[in-house]
Amino acid sequence: DGEVALPGAPALPALPAKPDPAAMHEIAKRWGLELPNEGLVMVGDSPTHDVGFGKAAGVTTVLLDSGRSAFDSSSPNAPDVTVVHLADLPAWFEERFELAAPAPAL
């Protein structure tokens, strides 16, 4: 029906496909965040769709480089970070961001 459901959140209206940044703008709005925002991170395996989407929205981009897509590291749409394995992400997040433990449920 043109809506996307996120766990625990109201459905999103139909939005243009990536790399159009409309979905990231909607997510940021629902989270009470402004864009551009380097504290939001888009992780994906497509330089064109995922990295382009993140760059268009003004968020930090991480390319999961599976080796199947070529990208130009000097391009304005080059990822901010490239990783080969998802397992590399936690260490990168710990280096880049101050992570706080979630508050205990009451």
C-alpha atoms as a PDB file:
ATOM      1  CA  ASP A   1       0.000   0.000   0.000  1.00  0.00           C
ATOM      2  CA  GLY A   2       2.986   2.322  -0.396  1.00  0.00           C
ATOM      3  CA  GLU A   3       4.037   2.391   3.260  1.00  0.00           C
ATOM      4  CA  VAL A   4       7.071   0.917   4.963  1.00  0.00           C
ATOM      5  CA  ALA A   5       6.821  -0.368   8.534  1.00  0.00           C
ATOM      6  CA  LEU A   6       9.765  -0.027  10.908  1.00  0.00           C
ATOM      7  CA  PRO A   7       9.671  -2.066  14.118  1.00  0.00           C
ATOM      8  CA  GLY A   8       8.160   0.023  16.901  1.00  0.00           C
ATOM      9  CA  ALA A   9       7.470   3.029  14.670  1.00  0.00           C
ATOM     10  CA  PRO A  10       4.549   4.324  12.659  1.00  0.00           C
ATOM     11  CA  ALA A  11       4.633   3.435   8.972  1.00  0.00           C
ATOM     12  CA  LEU A  12       6.540   5.695   6.623  1.00  0.00           C
ATOM     13  CA  PRO A  13       4.685   7.167   3.669  1.00  0.00           C
ATOM     14  CA  ALA A  14       5.667   6.088   0.168  1.00  0.00           C
ATOM     15  CA  LEU A  15       8.949   7.827  -0.612  1.00  0.00           C
ATOM     16  CA  PRO A  16      11.206   7.931  -3.677  1.00  0.00           C
ATOM     17  CA  ALA A  17      13.809   5.188  -3.986  1.00  0.00           C
ATOM     18  CA  LYS A  18      17.478   5.686  -3.098  1.00  0.00           C
ATOM     19  CA  PRO A  19      19.554   7.644  -3.899  1.00  0.00           C
ATOM     20  CA  ASP A  20      16.839  10.282  -3.377  1.00  0.00           C
ATOM     21  CA  PRO A  21      17.381  11.431   0.257  1.00  0.00           C
ATOM     22  CA  ALA A  22      13.663  11.805   1.109  1.00  0.00           C
ATOM     23  CA  ALA A  23      13.604   8.658   3.282  1.00  0.00           C
ATOM     24  CA  MET A  24      16.581   9.833   5.365  1.00  0.00           C
ATOM     25  CA  HIS A  25      14.924  13.213   5.826  1.00  0.00           C
ATOM     26  CA  GLU A  26      11.762  11.471   7.058  1.00  0.00           C
ATOM     27  CA  ILE A  27      13.714   9.248   9.456  1.00  0.00           C
ATOM     28  CA  ALA A  28      15.692  12.219  10.824  1.00  0.00           C
ATOM     29  CA  LYS A  29      12.465  14.175  11.307  1.00  0.00           C
ATOM     30  CA  ARG A  30      10.878  11.296  13.234  1.00  0.00           C
ATOM     31  CA  TRP A  31      13.974  11.014  15.432  1.00  0.00           C
ATOM     32  CA  GLY A  32      13.986  14.784  16.048  1.00  0.00           C
ATOM     33  CA  LEU A  33      17.276  15.306  14.219  1.00  0.00           C
ATOM     34  CA  GLU A  34      18.372  17.919  11.705  1.00  0.00           C
ATOM     35  CA  LEU A  35      20.145  17.177   8.442  1.00  0.00           C
ATOM     36  CA  PRO A  36      22.946  17.389   7.519  1.00  0.00           C
ATOM     37  CA  ASN A  37      24.119  15.346  10.484  1.00  0.00           C
ATOM     38  CA  GLU A  38      27.442  13.513  10.667  1.00  0.00           C
ATOM     39  CA  GLY A  39      26.096  11.596  13.672  1.00  0.00           C
ATOM     40  CA  LEU A  40      23.732   9.652  11.408  1.00  0.00           C
ATOM     41  CA  VAL A  41      25.394   6.874   9.448  1.00  0.00           C
ATOM     42  CA  MET A  42      24.281   5.200   6.237  1.00  0.00           C
ATOM     43  CA  VAL A  43      25.860   1.772   5.753  1.00  0.00           C
ATOM     44  CA  GLY A  44      25.412   0.008   2.455  1.00  0.00           C
ATOM     45  CA  ASP A  45      27.043  -2.004  -0.296  1.00  0.00           C
ATOM     46  CA  SER A  46      26.157   0.172  -3.286  1.00  0.00           C
ATOM     47  CA  PRO A  47      28.275   3.231  -4.058  1.00  0.00           C
ATOM     48  CA  THR A  48      25.540   4.622  -6.288  1.00  0.00           C
ATOM     49  CA  HIS A  49      22.434   3.911  -4.248  1.00  0.00           C
ATOM     50  CA  ASP A  50      23.564   3.669  -0.618  1.00  0.00           C
ATOM     51  CA  VAL A  51      26.542   6.035  -0.516  1.00  0.00           C
ATOM     52  CA  GLY A  52      24.844   8.437  -2.932  1.00  0.00           C
ATOM     53  CA  PHE A  53      21.747   8.368  -0.697  1.00  0.00           C
ATOM     54  CA  GLY A  54      23.755   9.157   2.420  1.00  0.00           C
ATOM     55  CA  LYS A  55      25.769  11.895   0.735  1.00  0.00           C
ATOM     56  CA  ALA A  56      22.616  13.515  -0.672  1.00  0.00           C
ATOM     57  CA  ALA A  57      21.122  13.528   2.837  1.00  0.00           C
ATOM     58  CA  GLY A  58      24.285  14.902   4.465  1.00  0.00           C
ATOM     59  CA  VAL A  59      25.086  11.950   6.712  1.00  0.00           C
ATOM     60  CA  THR A  60      28.241   9.919   7.246  1.00  0.00           C
ATOM     61  CA  THR A  61      28.553   7.083   4.743  1.00  0.00           C
ATOM     62  CA  VAL A  62      30.105   3.636   5.129  1.00  0.00           C
ATOM     63  CA  LEU A  63      30.566   1.386   2.114  1.00  0.00           C
ATOM     64  CA  LEU A  64      30.575  -2.347   2.739  1.00  0.00           C
ATOM     65  CA  ASP A  65      32.970  -3.190  -0.076  1.00  0.00           C
ATOM     66  CA  SER A  66      32.083  -6.646  -1.308  1.00  0.00           C
ATOM     67  CA  GLY A  67      34.359  -6.158  -4.296  1.00  0.00           C
ATOM     68  CA  ARG A  68      31.467  -6.286  -6.766  1.00  0.00           C
ATOM     69  CA  SER A  69      31.157  -2.512  -7.268  1.00  0.00           C
ATOM     70  CA  ALA A  70      33.887  -0.150  -8.350  1.00  0.00           C
ATOM     71  CA  PHE A  71      33.963   3.367  -6.966  1.00  0.00           C
ATOM     72  CA  ASP A  72      36.142   6.401  -7.470  1.00  0.00           C
ATOM     73  CA  SER A  73      37.692   7.423  -4.152  1.00  0.00           C
ATOM     74  CA  SER A  74      38.169  10.986  -5.445  1.00  0.00           C
ATOM     75  CA  SER A  75      34.483  11.368  -6.359  1.00  0.00           C
ATOM     76  CA  PRO A  76      32.274  13.689  -4.289  1.00  0.00           C
ATOM     77  CA  ASN A  77      30.155  10.569  -3.693  1.00  0.00           C
ATOM     78  CA  ALA A  78      33.077   8.553  -2.328  1.00  0.00           C
ATOM     79  CA  PRO A  79      32.237   6.918   1.013  1.00  0.00           C
ATOM     80  CA  ASP A  80      33.564   8.468   4.202  1.00  0.00           C
ATOM     81  CA  VAL A  81      34.670   4.997   5.317  1.00  0.00           C
ATOM     82  CA  THR A  82      35.061   1.671   3.544  1.00  0.00           C
ATOM     83  CA  VAL A  83      34.933  -1.671   5.340  1.00  0.00           C
ATOM     84  CA  VAL A  84      35.263  -5.170   3.935  1.00  0.00           C
ATOM     85  CA  HIS A  85      33.296  -6.955   6.670  1.00  0.00           C
ATOM     86  CA  LEU A  86      30.356  -5.857   8.795  1.00  0.00           C
ATOM     87  CA  ALA A  87      32.379  -7.142  11.743  1.00  0.00           C
ATOM     88  CA  ASP A  88      34.698  -4.126  11.206  1.00  0.00           C
ATOM     89  CA  LEU A  89      31.915  -1.659  12.047  1.00  0.00           C
ATOM     90  CA  PRO A  90      31.748  -1.915  15.864  1.00  0.00           C
ATOM     91  CA  ALA A  91      35.392  -0.874  16.271  1.00  0.00           C
ATOM     92  CA  TRP A  92      34.874   2.025  13.839  1.00  0.00           C
ATOM     93  CA  PHE A  93      31.787   3.190  15.750  1.00  0.00           C
ATOM     94  CA  GLU A  94      33.698   3.016  19.052  1.00  0.00           C
ATOM     95  CA  GLU A  95      36.529   5.131  17.591  1.00  0.00           C
ATOM     96  CA  ARG A  96      34.232   7.685  15.971  1.00  0.00           C
ATOM     97  CA  PHE A  97      31.374   8.094  18.443  1.00  0.00           C
ATOM     98  CA  GLU A  98      30.863   8.297  22.170  1.00  0.00           C
ATOM     99  CA  LEU A  99      28.533   5.375  22.717  1.00  0.00           C
ATOM    100  CA  ALA A 100      26.315   5.256  25.773  1.00  0.00           C
ATOM    101  CA  ALA A 101      24.627   2.167  27.112  1.00  0.00           C
ATOM    102  CA  PRO A 102      20.858   2.276  26.842  1.00  0.00           C
ATOM    103  CA  ALA A 103      18.958   3.208  29.984  1.00  0.00           C
ATOM    104  CA  PRO A 104      17.618   0.186  31.814  1.00  0.00           C
ATOM    105  CA  ALA A 105      13.923  -0.500  31.305  1.00  0.00           C
ATOM    106  CA  LEU A 106      11.822   0.187  34.355  1.00  0.00           C
END
